[in-house]
Amino acid sequence: SKRSEPRIPFGSLVERGFLEAGQTLYDIRRRHSARVRADGTLVSS
């Protein structure tokens, strides 16, 4: 069950090096974008 799986904070991806602070994320159609912040949040506009 999805509920039984361990919770992984988004910030863990930054800490583990899967993503870097300042990197840009997109939706699948590239209509929207946001940048990754060092504390594991995003900023868009």
ModelCIF file with pLDDT and N, C-alpha, C, O atoms, coordinates in Angstrom:
data_MODEL
#
_entry.id   MODEL 
#
_entity.id                         1 
_entity.type                       polymer 
_entity.pdbx_number_of_molecules   1 
#
_entity_poly.entity_id                      1 
_entity_poly.type                           'polypeptide(L)' 
_entity_poly.nstd_linkage                   no 
_entity_poly.nstd_monomer                   no 
_entity_poly.pdbx_seq_one_letter_code       SKRSEPRIPFGSLVERGFLEAGQTLYDIRRRHSARVRADGTLVSS 
_entity_poly.pdbx_seq_one_letter_code_can   SKRSEPRIPFGSLVERGFLEAGQTLYDIRRRHSARVRADGTLVSS 
_entity_poly.pdbx_strand_id                 A 
#
loop_
_entity_poly_seq.entity_id 
_entity_poly_seq.num 
_entity_poly_seq.mon_id 
_entity_poly_seq.hetero 
1 1  SER n 
1 2  LYS n 
1 3  ARG n 
1 4  SER n 
1 5  GLU n 
1 6  PRO n 
1 7  ARG n 
1 8  ILE n 
1 9  PRO n 
1 10 PHE n 
1 11 GLY n 
1 12 SER n 
1 13 LEU n 
1 14 VAL n 
1 15 GLU n 
1 16 ARG n 
1 17 GLY n 
1 18 PHE n 
1 19 LEU n 
1 20 GLU n 
1 21 ALA n 
1 22 GLY n 
1 23 GLN n 
1 24 THR n 
1 25 LEU n 
1 26 TYR n 
1 27 ASP n 
1 28 ILE n 
1 29 ARG n 
1 30 ARG n 
1 31 ARG n 
1 32 HIS n 
1 33 SER n 
1 34 ALA n 
1 35 ARG n 
1 36 VAL n 
1 37 ARG n 
1 38 ALA n 
1 39 ASP n 
1 40 GLY n 
1 41 THR n 
1 42 LEU n 
1 43 VAL n 
1 44 SER n 
1 45 SER n 
#
_struct_asym.id          A 
_struct_asym.entity_id   1 
#
loop_
_ma_qa_metric.id 
_ma_qa_metric.mode 
_ma_qa_metric.name 
_ma_qa_metric.software_group_id 
_ma_qa_metric.type 
1 global pLDDT . pLDDT 
2 local  pLDDT . pLDDT 
#
_ma_qa_metric_global.metric_id      1 
_ma_qa_metric_global.metric_value   89.80 
_ma_qa_metric_global.model_id       1 
_ma_qa_metric_global.ordinal_id     1 
#
loop_
_ma_qa_metric_local.label_asym_id 
_ma_qa_metric_local.label_comp_id 
_ma_qa_metric_local.label_seq_id 
_ma_qa_metric_local.metric_id 
_ma_qa_metric_local.metric_value 
_ma_qa_metric_local.model_id 
_ma_qa_metric_local.ordinal_id 
A SER 1  2 64.00 1 1  
A LYS 2  2 63.00 1 2  
A ARG 3  2 65.00 1 3  
A SER 4  2 64.00 1 4  
A GLU 5  2 71.00 1 5  
A PRO 6  2 80.00 1 6  
A ARG 7  2 85.00 1 7  
A ILE 8  2 88.00 1 8  
A PRO 9  2 92.00 1 9  
A PHE 10 2 94.00 1 10 
A GLY 11 2 92.00 1 11 
A SER 12 2 90.00 1 12 
A LEU 13 2 93.00 1 13 
A VAL 14 2 91.00 1 14 
A GLU 15 2 91.00 1 15 
A ARG 16 2 89.00 1 16 
A GLY 17 2 90.00 1 17 
A PHE 18 2 93.00 1 18 
A LEU 19 2 94.00 1 19 
A GLU 20 2 93.00 1 20 
A ALA 21 2 93.00 1 21 
A GLY 22 2 94.00 1 22 
A GLN 23 2 95.00 1 23 
A THR 24 2 96.00 1 24 
A LEU 25 2 97.00 1 25 
A TYR 26 2 96.00 1 26 
A ASP 27 2 96.00 1 27 
A ILE 28 2 94.00 1 28 
A ARG 29 2 93.00 1 29 
A ARG 30 2 94.00 1 30 
A ARG 31 2 94.00 1 31 
A HIS 32 2 95.00 1 32 
A SER 33 2 96.00 1 33 
A ALA 34 2 96.00 1 34 
A ARG 35 2 96.00 1 35 
A VAL 36 2 96.00 1 36 
A ARG 37 2 94.00 1 37 
A ALA 38 2 92.00 1 38 
A ASP 39 2 93.00 1 39 
A GLY 40 2 92.00 1 40 
A THR 41 2 95.00 1 41 
A LEU 42 2 96.00 1 42 
A VAL 43 2 95.00 1 43 
A SER 44 2 94.00 1 44 
A SER 45 2 87.00 1 45 
#
loop_
_atom_site.group_PDB 
_atom_site.id 
_atom_site.type_symbol 
_atom_site.label_atom_id 
_atom_site.label_alt_id 
_atom_site.label_comp_id 
_atom_site.label_asym_id 
_atom_site.label_entity_id 
_atom_site.label_seq_id 
_atom_site.pdbx_PDB_ins_code 
_atom_site.Cartn_x 
_atom_site.Cartn_y 
_atom_site.Cartn_z 
_atom_site.occupancy 
_atom_site.B_iso_or_equiv 
_atom_site.pdbx_formal_charge 
_atom_site.auth_seq_id 
_atom_site.auth_comp_id 
_atom_site.auth_asym_id 
_atom_site.auth_atom_id 
_atom_site.pdbx_PDB_model_num 
ATOM 1   N N  . SER A 1 1  ? 0.849  -1.188 0.000   1.00 64.00 ? 1  SER A N  1 
ATOM 2   C CA . SER A 1 1  ? 0.000  0.000  0.000   1.00 64.00 ? 1  SER A CA 1 
ATOM 3   C C  . SER A 1 1  ? 0.883  1.236  0.000   1.00 64.00 ? 1  SER A C  1 
ATOM 4   O O  . SER A 1 1  ? 1.936  1.253  0.637   1.00 64.00 ? 1  SER A O  1 
ATOM 5   N N  . LYS A 1 2  ? 0.456  2.271  -0.714  1.00 63.00 ? 2  LYS A N  1 
ATOM 6   C CA . LYS A 1 2  ? 1.241  3.507  -0.749  1.00 63.00 ? 2  LYS A CA 1 
ATOM 7   C C  . LYS A 1 2  ? 1.396  4.087  0.651   1.00 63.00 ? 2  LYS A C  1 
ATOM 8   O O  . LYS A 1 2  ? 2.414  4.703  0.967   1.00 63.00 ? 2  LYS A O  1 
ATOM 9   N N  . ARG A 1 3  ? 0.383  3.888  1.484   1.00 65.00 ? 3  ARG A N  1 
ATOM 10  C CA . ARG A 1 3  ? 0.445  4.428  2.840   1.00 65.00 ? 3  ARG A CA 1 
ATOM 11  C C  . ARG A 1 3  ? 1.500  3.717  3.687   1.00 65.00 ? 3  ARG A C  1 
ATOM 12  O O  . ARG A 1 3  ? 2.029  4.290  4.640   1.00 65.00 ? 3  ARG A O  1 
ATOM 13  N N  . SER A 1 4  ? 1.802  2.462  3.335   1.00 64.00 ? 4  SER A N  1 
ATOM 14  C CA . SER A 1 4  ? 2.755  1.701  4.130   1.00 64.00 ? 4  SER A CA 1 
ATOM 15  C C  . SER A 1 4  ? 4.199  1.949  3.715   1.00 64.00 ? 4  SER A C  1 
ATOM 16  O O  . SER A 1 4  ? 5.123  1.551  4.425   1.00 64.00 ? 4  SER A O  1 
ATOM 17  N N  . GLU A 1 5  ? 4.404  2.602  2.575   1.00 71.00 ? 5  GLU A N  1 
ATOM 18  C CA . GLU A 1 5  ? 5.761  2.880  2.112   1.00 71.00 ? 5  GLU A CA 1 
ATOM 19  C C  . GLU A 1 5  ? 6.372  4.040  2.901   1.00 71.00 ? 5  GLU A C  1 
ATOM 20  O O  . GLU A 1 5  ? 5.651  4.949  3.311   1.00 71.00 ? 5  GLU A O  1 
ATOM 21  N N  . PRO A 1 6  ? 7.687  4.023  3.118   1.00 80.00 ? 6  PRO A N  1 
ATOM 22  C CA . PRO A 1 6  ? 8.321  5.099  3.892   1.00 80.00 ? 6  PRO A CA 1 
ATOM 23  C C  . PRO A 1 6  ? 8.163  6.460  3.217   1.00 80.00 ? 6  PRO A C  1 
ATOM 24  O O  . PRO A 1 6  ? 8.262  6.579  1.995   1.00 80.00 ? 6  PRO A O  1 
ATOM 25  N N  . ARG A 1 7  ? 7.920  7.463  4.021   1.00 85.00 ? 7  ARG A N  1 
ATOM 26  C CA . ARG A 1 7  ? 7.758  8.823  3.502   1.00 85.00 ? 7  ARG A CA 1 
ATOM 27  C C  . ARG A 1 7  ? 9.127  9.388  3.125   1.00 85.00 ? 7  ARG A C  1 
ATOM 28  O O  . ARG A 1 7  ? 10.059 9.349  3.928   1.00 85.00 ? 7  ARG A O  1 
ATOM 29  N N  . ILE A 1 8  ? 9.246  9.904  1.921   1.00 88.00 ? 8  ILE A N  1 
ATOM 30  C CA . ILE A 1 8  ? 10.496 10.481 1.441   1.00 88.00 ? 8  ILE A CA 1 
ATOM 31  C C  . ILE A 1 8  ? 10.265 11.966 1.177   1.00 88.00 ? 8  ILE A C  1 
ATOM 32  O O  . ILE A 1 8  ? 9.554  12.307 0.231   1.00 88.00 ? 8  ILE A O  1 
ATOM 33  N N  . PRO A 1 9  ? 10.840 12.856 1.978   1.00 92.00 ? 9  PRO A N  1 
ATOM 34  C CA . PRO A 1 9  ? 10.690 14.300 1.716   1.00 92.00 ? 9  PRO A CA 1 
ATOM 35  C C  . PRO A 1 9  ? 11.370 14.673 0.398   1.00 92.00 ? 9  PRO A C  1 
ATOM 36  O O  . PRO A 1 9  ? 12.376 14.077 0.016   1.00 92.00 ? 9  PRO A O  1 
ATOM 37  N N  . PHE A 1 10 ? 10.807 15.663 -0.284  1.00 94.00 ? 10 PHE A N  1 
ATOM 38  C CA . PHE A 1 10 ? 11.407 16.112 -1.539  1.00 94.00 ? 10 PHE A CA 1 
ATOM 39  C C  . PHE A 1 10 ? 12.836 16.601 -1.317  1.00 94.00 ? 10 PHE A C  1 
ATOM 40  O O  . PHE A 1 10 ? 13.703 16.446 -2.177  1.00 94.00 ? 10 PHE A O  1 
ATOM 41  N N  . GLY A 1 11 ? 13.064 17.199 -0.133  1.00 92.00 ? 11 GLY A N  1 
ATOM 42  C CA . GLY A 1 11 ? 14.406 17.694 0.156   1.00 92.00 ? 11 GLY A CA 1 
ATOM 43  C C  . GLY A 1 11 ? 15.469 16.612 0.141   1.00 92.00 ? 11 GLY A C  1 
ATOM 44  O O  . GLY A 1 11 ? 16.650 16.901 -0.053  1.00 92.00 ? 11 GLY A O  1 
ATOM 45  N N  . SER A 1 12 ? 15.055 15.354 0.348   1.00 90.00 ? 12 SER A N  1 
ATOM 46  C CA . SER A 1 12 ? 16.016 14.250 0.320   1.00 90.00 ? 12 SER A CA 1 
ATOM 47  C C  . SER A 1 12 ? 16.657 14.100 -1.050  1.00 90.00 ? 12 SER A C  1 
ATOM 48  O O  . SER A 1 12 ? 17.812 13.689 -1.161  1.00 90.00 ? 12 SER A O  1 
ATOM 49  N N  . LEU A 1 13 ? 15.897 14.438 -2.102  1.00 93.00 ? 13 LEU A N  1 
ATOM 50  C CA . LEU A 1 13 ? 16.444 14.340 -3.455  1.00 93.00 ? 13 LEU A CA 1 
ATOM 51  C C  . LEU A 1 13 ? 17.571 15.339 -3.655  1.00 93.00 ? 13 LEU A C  1 
ATOM 52  O O  . LEU A 1 13 ? 18.532 15.068 -4.375  1.00 93.00 ? 13 LEU A O  1 
ATOM 53  N N  . VAL A 1 14 ? 17.447 16.502 -3.010  1.00 91.00 ? 14 VAL A N  1 
ATOM 54  C CA . VAL A 1 14 ? 18.496 17.510 -3.094  1.00 91.00 ? 14 VAL A CA 1 
ATOM 55  C C  . VAL A 1 14 ? 19.697 17.087 -2.249  1.00 91.00 ? 14 VAL A C  1 
ATOM 56  O O  . VAL A 1 14 ? 20.840 17.180 -2.696  1.00 91.00 ? 14 VAL A O  1 
ATOM 57  N N  . GLU A 1 15 ? 19.435 16.625 -1.037  1.00 91.00 ? 15 GLU A N  1 
ATOM 58  C CA . GLU A 1 15 ? 20.514 16.195 -0.146  1.00 91.00 ? 15 GLU A CA 1 
ATOM 59  C C  . GLU A 1 15 ? 21.302 15.036 -0.730  1.00 91.00 ? 15 GLU A C  1 
ATOM 60  O O  . GLU A 1 15 ? 22.519 14.957 -0.562  1.00 91.00 ? 15 GLU A O  1 
ATOM 61  N N  . ARG A 1 16 ? 20.597 14.124 -1.426  1.00 89.00 ? 16 ARG A N  1 
ATOM 62  C CA . ARG A 1 16 ? 21.264 12.936 -1.976  1.00 89.00 ? 16 ARG A CA 1 
ATOM 63  C C  . ARG A 1 16 ? 21.899 13.203 -3.340  1.00 89.00 ? 16 ARG A C  1 
ATOM 64  O O  . ARG A 1 16 ? 22.576 12.325 -3.876  1.00 89.00 ? 16 ARG A O  1 
ATOM 65  N N  . GLY A 1 17 ? 21.703 14.371 -3.906  1.00 90.00 ? 17 GLY A N  1 
ATOM 66  C CA . GLY A 1 17 ? 22.338 14.701 -5.178  1.00 90.00 ? 17 GLY A CA 1 
ATOM 67  C C  . GLY A 1 17 ? 21.564 14.288 -6.408  1.00 90.00 ? 17 GLY A C  1 
ATOM 68  O O  . GLY A 1 17 ? 22.081 14.405 -7.519  1.00 90.00 ? 17 GLY A O  1 
ATOM 69  N N  . PHE A 1 18 ? 20.342 13.807 -6.250  1.00 93.00 ? 18 PHE A N  1 
ATOM 70  C CA . PHE A 1 18 ? 19.525 13.479 -7.425  1.00 93.00 ? 18 PHE A CA 1 
ATOM 71  C C  . PHE A 1 18 ? 19.117 14.765 -8.157  1.00 93.00 ? 18 PHE A C  1 
ATOM 72  O O  . PHE A 1 18 ? 19.010 14.785 -9.383  1.00 93.00 ? 18 PHE A O  1 
ATOM 73  N N  . LEU A 1 19 ? 18.895 15.827 -7.392  1.00 94.00 ? 19 LEU A N  1 
ATOM 74  C CA . LEU A 1 19 ? 18.593 17.148 -7.941  1.00 94.00 ? 19 LEU A CA 1 
ATOM 75  C C  . LEU A 1 19 ? 19.519 18.157 -7.286  1.00 94.00 ? 19 LEU A C  1 
ATOM 76  O O  . LEU A 1 19 ? 20.035 17.924 -6.193  1.00 94.00 ? 19 LEU A O  1 
ATOM 77  N N  . GLU A 1 20 ? 19.726 19.278 -7.962  1.00 93.00 ? 20 GLU A N  1 
ATOM 78  C CA . GLU A 1 20 ? 20.594 20.330 -7.436  1.00 93.00 ? 20 GLU A CA 1 
ATOM 79  C C  . GLU A 1 20 ? 19.790 21.600 -7.209  1.00 93.00 ? 20 GLU A C  1 
ATOM 80  O O  . GLU A 1 20 ? 18.836 21.888 -7.932  1.00 93.00 ? 20 GLU A O  1 
ATOM 81  N N  . ALA A 1 21 ? 20.189 22.347 -6.198  1.00 93.00 ? 21 ALA A N  1 
ATOM 82  C CA . ALA A 1 21 ? 19.563 23.649 -5.968  1.00 93.00 ? 21 ALA A CA 1 
ATOM 83  C C  . ALA A 1 21 ? 19.765 24.521 -7.204  1.00 93.00 ? 21 ALA A C  1 
ATOM 84  O O  . ALA A 1 21 ? 20.867 24.591 -7.748  1.00 93.00 ? 21 ALA A O  1 
ATOM 85  N N  . GLY A 1 22 ? 18.706 25.179 -7.640  1.00 94.00 ? 22 GLY A N  1 
ATOM 86  C CA . GLY A 1 22 ? 18.773 26.001 -8.838  1.00 94.00 ? 22 GLY A CA 1 
ATOM 87  C C  . GLY A 1 22 ? 18.307 25.278 -10.089 1.00 94.00 ? 22 GLY A C  1 
ATOM 88  O O  . GLY A 1 22 ? 18.068 25.919 -11.111 1.00 94.00 ? 22 GLY A O  1 
ATOM 89  N N  . GLN A 1 23 ? 18.172 23.958 -10.035 1.00 95.00 ? 23 GLN A N  1 
ATOM 90  C CA . GLN A 1 23 ? 17.734 23.192 -11.190 1.00 95.00 ? 23 GLN A CA 1 
ATOM 91  C C  . GLN A 1 23 ? 16.256 23.476 -11.474 1.00 95.00 ? 23 GLN A C  1 
ATOM 92  O O  . GLN A 1 23 ? 15.481 23.748 -10.557 1.00 95.00 ? 23 GLN A O  1 
ATOM 93  N N  . THR A 1 24 ? 15.878 23.410 -12.747 1.00 96.00 ? 24 THR A N  1 
ATOM 94  C CA . THR A 1 24 ? 14.508 23.730 -13.147 1.00 96.00 ? 24 THR A CA 1 
ATOM 95  C C  . THR A 1 24 ? 13.688 22.448 -13.331 1.00 96.00 ? 24 THR A C  1 
ATOM 96  O O  . THR A 1 24 ? 14.145 21.472 -13.926 1.00 96.00 ? 24 THR A O  1 
ATOM 97  N N  . LEU A 1 25 ? 12.474 22.487 -12.806 1.00 97.00 ? 25 LEU A N  1 
ATOM 98  C CA . LEU A 1 25 ? 11.511 21.397 -13.007 1.00 97.00 ? 25 LEU A CA 1 
ATOM 99  C C  . LEU A 1 25 ? 10.412 21.862 -13.948 1.00 97.00 ? 25 LEU A C  1 
ATOM 100 O O  . LEU A 1 25 ? 10.094 23.050 -13.999 1.00 97.00 ? 25 LEU A O  1 
ATOM 101 N N  . TYR A 1 26 ? 9.831  20.925 -14.697 1.00 96.00 ? 26 TYR A N  1 
ATOM 102 C CA . TYR A 1 26 ? 8.779  21.242 -15.667 1.00 96.00 ? 26 TYR A CA 1 
ATOM 103 C C  . TYR A 1 26 ? 7.597  20.280 -15.475 1.00 96.00 ? 26 TYR A C  1 
ATOM 104 O O  . TYR A 1 26 ? 7.741  19.204 -14.894 1.00 96.00 ? 26 TYR A O  1 
ATOM 105 N N  . ASP A 1 27 ? 6.440  20.692 -15.970 1.00 96.00 ? 27 ASP A N  1 
ATOM 106 C CA . ASP A 1 27 ? 5.357  19.710 -16.101 1.00 96.00 ? 27 ASP A CA 1 
ATOM 107 C C  . ASP A 1 27 ? 5.584  18.956 -17.401 1.00 96.00 ? 27 ASP A C  1 
ATOM 108 O O  . ASP A 1 27 ? 6.451  19.342 -18.185 1.00 96.00 ? 27 ASP A O  1 
ATOM 109 N N  . ILE A 1 28 ? 4.846  17.915 -17.646 1.00 94.00 ? 28 ILE A N  1 
ATOM 110 C CA . ILE A 1 28 ? 5.111  17.021 -18.767 1.00 94.00 ? 28 ILE A CA 1 
ATOM 111 C C  . ILE A 1 28 ? 5.006  17.728 -20.118 1.00 94.00 ? 28 ILE A C  1 
ATOM 112 O O  . ILE A 1 28 ? 5.645  17.312 -21.085 1.00 94.00 ? 28 ILE A O  1 
ATOM 113 N N  . ARG A 1 29 ? 4.187  18.817 -20.194 1.00 93.00 ? 29 ARG A N  1 
ATOM 114 C CA . ARG A 1 29 ? 4.033  19.544 -21.450 1.00 93.00 ? 29 ARG A CA 1 
ATOM 115 C C  . ARG A 1 29 ? 4.873  20.829 -21.487 1.00 93.00 ? 29 ARG A C  1 
ATOM 116 O O  . ARG A 1 29 ? 4.765  21.616 -22.428 1.00 93.00 ? 29 ARG A O  1 
ATOM 117 N N  . ARG A 1 30 ? 5.689  21.034 -20.483 1.00 94.00 ? 30 ARG A N  1 
ATOM 118 C CA . ARG A 1 30 ? 6.562  22.200 -20.385 1.00 94.00 ? 30 ARG A CA 1 
ATOM 119 C C  . ARG A 1 30 ? 5.785  23.521 -20.389 1.00 94.00 ? 30 ARG A C  1 
ATOM 120 O O  . ARG A 1 30 ? 6.304  24.546 -20.831 1.00 94.00 ? 30 ARG A O  1 
ATOM 121 N N  . ARG A 1 31 ? 4.566  23.496 -19.905 1.00 94.00 ? 31 ARG A N  1 
ATOM 122 C CA . ARG A 1 31 ? 3.804  24.737 -19.812 1.00 94.00 ? 31 ARG A CA 1 
ATOM 123 C C  . ARG A 1 31 ? 4.148  25.512 -18.546 1.00 94.00 ? 31 ARG A C  1 
ATOM 124 O O  . ARG A 1 31 ? 4.016  26.735 -18.498 1.00 94.00 ? 31 ARG A O  1 
ATOM 125 N N  . HIS A 1 32 ? 4.586  24.791 -17.529 1.00 95.00 ? 32 HIS A N  1 
ATOM 126 C CA . HIS A 1 32 ? 4.909  25.417 -16.256 1.00 95.00 ? 32 HIS A CA 1 
ATOM 127 C C  . HIS A 1 32 ? 6.319  24.998 -15.836 1.00 95.00 ? 32 HIS A C  1 
ATOM 128 O O  . HIS A 1 32 ? 6.799  23.924 -16.201 1.00 95.00 ? 32 HIS A O  1 
ATOM 129 N N  . SER A 1 33 ? 6.968  25.866 -15.062 1.00 96.00 ? 33 SER A N  1 
ATOM 130 C CA . SER A 1 33 ? 8.311  25.542 -14.575 1.00 96.00 ? 33 SER A CA 1 
ATOM 131 C C  . SER A 1 33 ? 8.499  26.132 -13.186 1.00 96.00 ? 33 SER A C  1 
ATOM 132 O O  . SER A 1 33 ? 7.799  27.063 -12.786 1.00 96.00 ? 33 SER A O  1 
ATOM 133 N N  . ALA A 1 34 ? 9.451  25.575 -12.467 1.00 96.00 ? 34 ALA A N  1 
ATOM 134 C CA . ALA A 1 34 ? 9.803  26.064 -11.132 1.00 96.00 ? 34 ALA A CA 1 
ATOM 135 C C  . ALA A 1 34 ? 11.239 25.672 -10.852 1.00 96.00 ? 34 ALA A C  1 
ATOM 136 O O  . ALA A 1 34 ? 11.746 24.700 -11.411 1.00 96.00 ? 34 ALA A O  1 
ATOM 137 N N  . ARG A 1 35 ? 11.892 26.428 -9.990  1.00 96.00 ? 35 ARG A N  1 
ATOM 138 C CA . ARG A 1 35 ? 13.288 26.146 -9.662  1.00 96.00 ? 35 ARG A CA 1 
ATOM 139 C C  . ARG A 1 35 ? 13.380 25.536 -8.268  1.00 96.00 ? 35 ARG A C  1 
ATOM 140 O O  . ARG A 1 35 ? 12.622 25.882 -7.363  1.00 96.00 ? 35 ARG A O  1 
ATOM 141 N N  . VAL A 1 36 ? 14.327 24.622 -8.126  1.00 96.00 ? 36 VAL A N  1 
ATOM 142 C CA . VAL A 1 36 ? 14.557 23.938 -6.860  1.00 96.00 ? 36 VAL A CA 1 
ATOM 143 C C  . VAL A 1 36 ? 15.360 24.841 -5.938  1.00 96.00 ? 36 VAL A C  1 
ATOM 144 O O  . VAL A 1 36 ? 16.375 25.404 -6.347  1.00 96.00 ? 36 VAL A O  1 
ATOM 145 N N  . ARG A 1 37 ? 14.904 24.983 -4.682  1.00 94.00 ? 37 ARG A N  1 
ATOM 146 C CA . ARG A 1 37 ? 15.619 25.777 -3.687  1.00 94.00 ? 37 ARG A CA 1 
ATOM 147 C C  . ARG A 1 37 ? 16.418 24.836 -2.782  1.00 94.00 ? 37 ARG A C  1 
ATOM 148 O O  . ARG A 1 37 ? 16.128 23.642 -2.710  1.00 94.00 ? 37 ARG A O  1 
ATOM 149 N N  . ALA A 1 38 ? 17.407 25.371 -2.106  1.00 92.00 ? 38 ALA A N  1 
ATOM 150 C CA . ALA A 1 38 ? 18.311 24.558 -1.290  1.00 92.00 ? 38 ALA A CA 1 
ATOM 151 C C  . ALA A 1 38 ? 17.605 23.880 -0.124  1.00 92.00 ? 38 ALA A C  1 
ATOM 152 O O  . ALA A 1 38 ? 18.063 22.847 0.363   1.00 92.00 ? 38 ALA A O  1 
ATOM 153 N N  . ASP A 1 39 ? 16.490 24.458 0.328   1.00 93.00 ? 39 ASP A N  1 
ATOM 154 C CA . ASP A 1 39 ? 15.794 23.888 1.482   1.00 93.00 ? 39 ASP A CA 1 
ATOM 155 C C  . ASP A 1 39 ? 14.721 22.870 1.088   1.00 93.00 ? 39 ASP A C  1 
ATOM 156 O O  . ASP A 1 39 ? 13.927 22.447 1.927   1.00 93.00 ? 39 ASP A O  1 
ATOM 157 N N  . GLY A 1 40 ? 14.699 22.481 -0.182  1.00 92.00 ? 40 GLY A N  1 
ATOM 158 C CA . GLY A 1 40 ? 13.740 21.470 -0.609  1.00 92.00 ? 40 GLY A CA 1 
ATOM 159 C C  . GLY A 1 40 ? 12.381 22.018 -0.975  1.00 92.00 ? 40 GLY A C  1 
ATOM 160 O O  . GLY A 1 40 ? 11.412 21.262 -1.044  1.00 92.00 ? 40 GLY A O  1 
ATOM 161 N N  . THR A 1 41 ? 12.284 23.335 -1.216  1.00 95.00 ? 41 THR A N  1 
ATOM 162 C CA . THR A 1 41 ? 11.042 23.923 -1.716  1.00 95.00 ? 41 THR A CA 1 
ATOM 163 C C  . THR A 1 41 ? 11.268 24.364 -3.162  1.00 95.00 ? 41 THR A C  1 
ATOM 164 O O  . THR A 1 41 ? 12.380 24.291 -3.686  1.00 95.00 ? 41 THR A O  1 
ATOM 165 N N  . LEU A 1 42 ? 10.191 24.822 -3.788  1.00 96.00 ? 42 LEU A N  1 
ATOM 166 C CA . LEU A 1 42 ? 10.270 25.323 -5.162  1.00 96.00 ? 42 LEU A CA 1 
ATOM 167 C C  . LEU A 1 42 ? 9.874  26.790 -5.192  1.00 96.00 ? 42 LEU A C  1 
ATOM 168 O O  . LEU A 1 42 ? 9.187  27.277 -4.294  1.00 96.00 ? 42 LEU A O  1 
ATOM 169 N N  . VAL A 1 43 ? 10.311 27.489 -6.231  1.00 95.00 ? 43 VAL A N  1 
ATOM 170 C CA . VAL A 1 43 ? 9.891  28.861 -6.459  1.00 95.00 ? 43 VAL A CA 1 
ATOM 171 C C  . VAL A 1 43 ? 9.503  29.000 -7.928  1.00 95.00 ? 43 VAL A C  1 
ATOM 172 O O  . VAL A 1 43 ? 10.245 28.598 -8.824  1.00 95.00 ? 43 VAL A O  1 
ATOM 173 N N  . SER A 1 44 ? 8.332  29.575 -8.152  1.00 94.00 ? 44 SER A N  1 
ATOM 174 C CA . SER A 1 44 ? 7.850  29.821 -9.509  1.00 94.00 ? 44 SER A CA 1 
ATOM 175 C C  . SER A 1 44 ? 7.309  31.238 -9.536  1.00 94.00 ? 44 SER A C  1 
ATOM 176 O O  . SER A 1 44 ? 6.343  31.548 -8.840  1.00 94.00 ? 44 SER A O  1 
ATOM 177 N N  . SER A 1 45 ? 7.928  32.104 -10.339 1.00 87.00 ? 45 SER A N  1 
ATOM 178 C CA . SER A 1 45 ? 7.612  33.537 -10.316 1.00 87.00 ? 45 SER A CA 1 
ATOM 179 C C  . SER A 1 45 ? 7.845  34.031 -8.891  1.00 87.00 ? 45 SER A C  1 
ATOM 180 O O  . SER A 1 45 ? 7.648  35.213 -8.608  1.00 87.00 ? 45 SER A O  1 
#
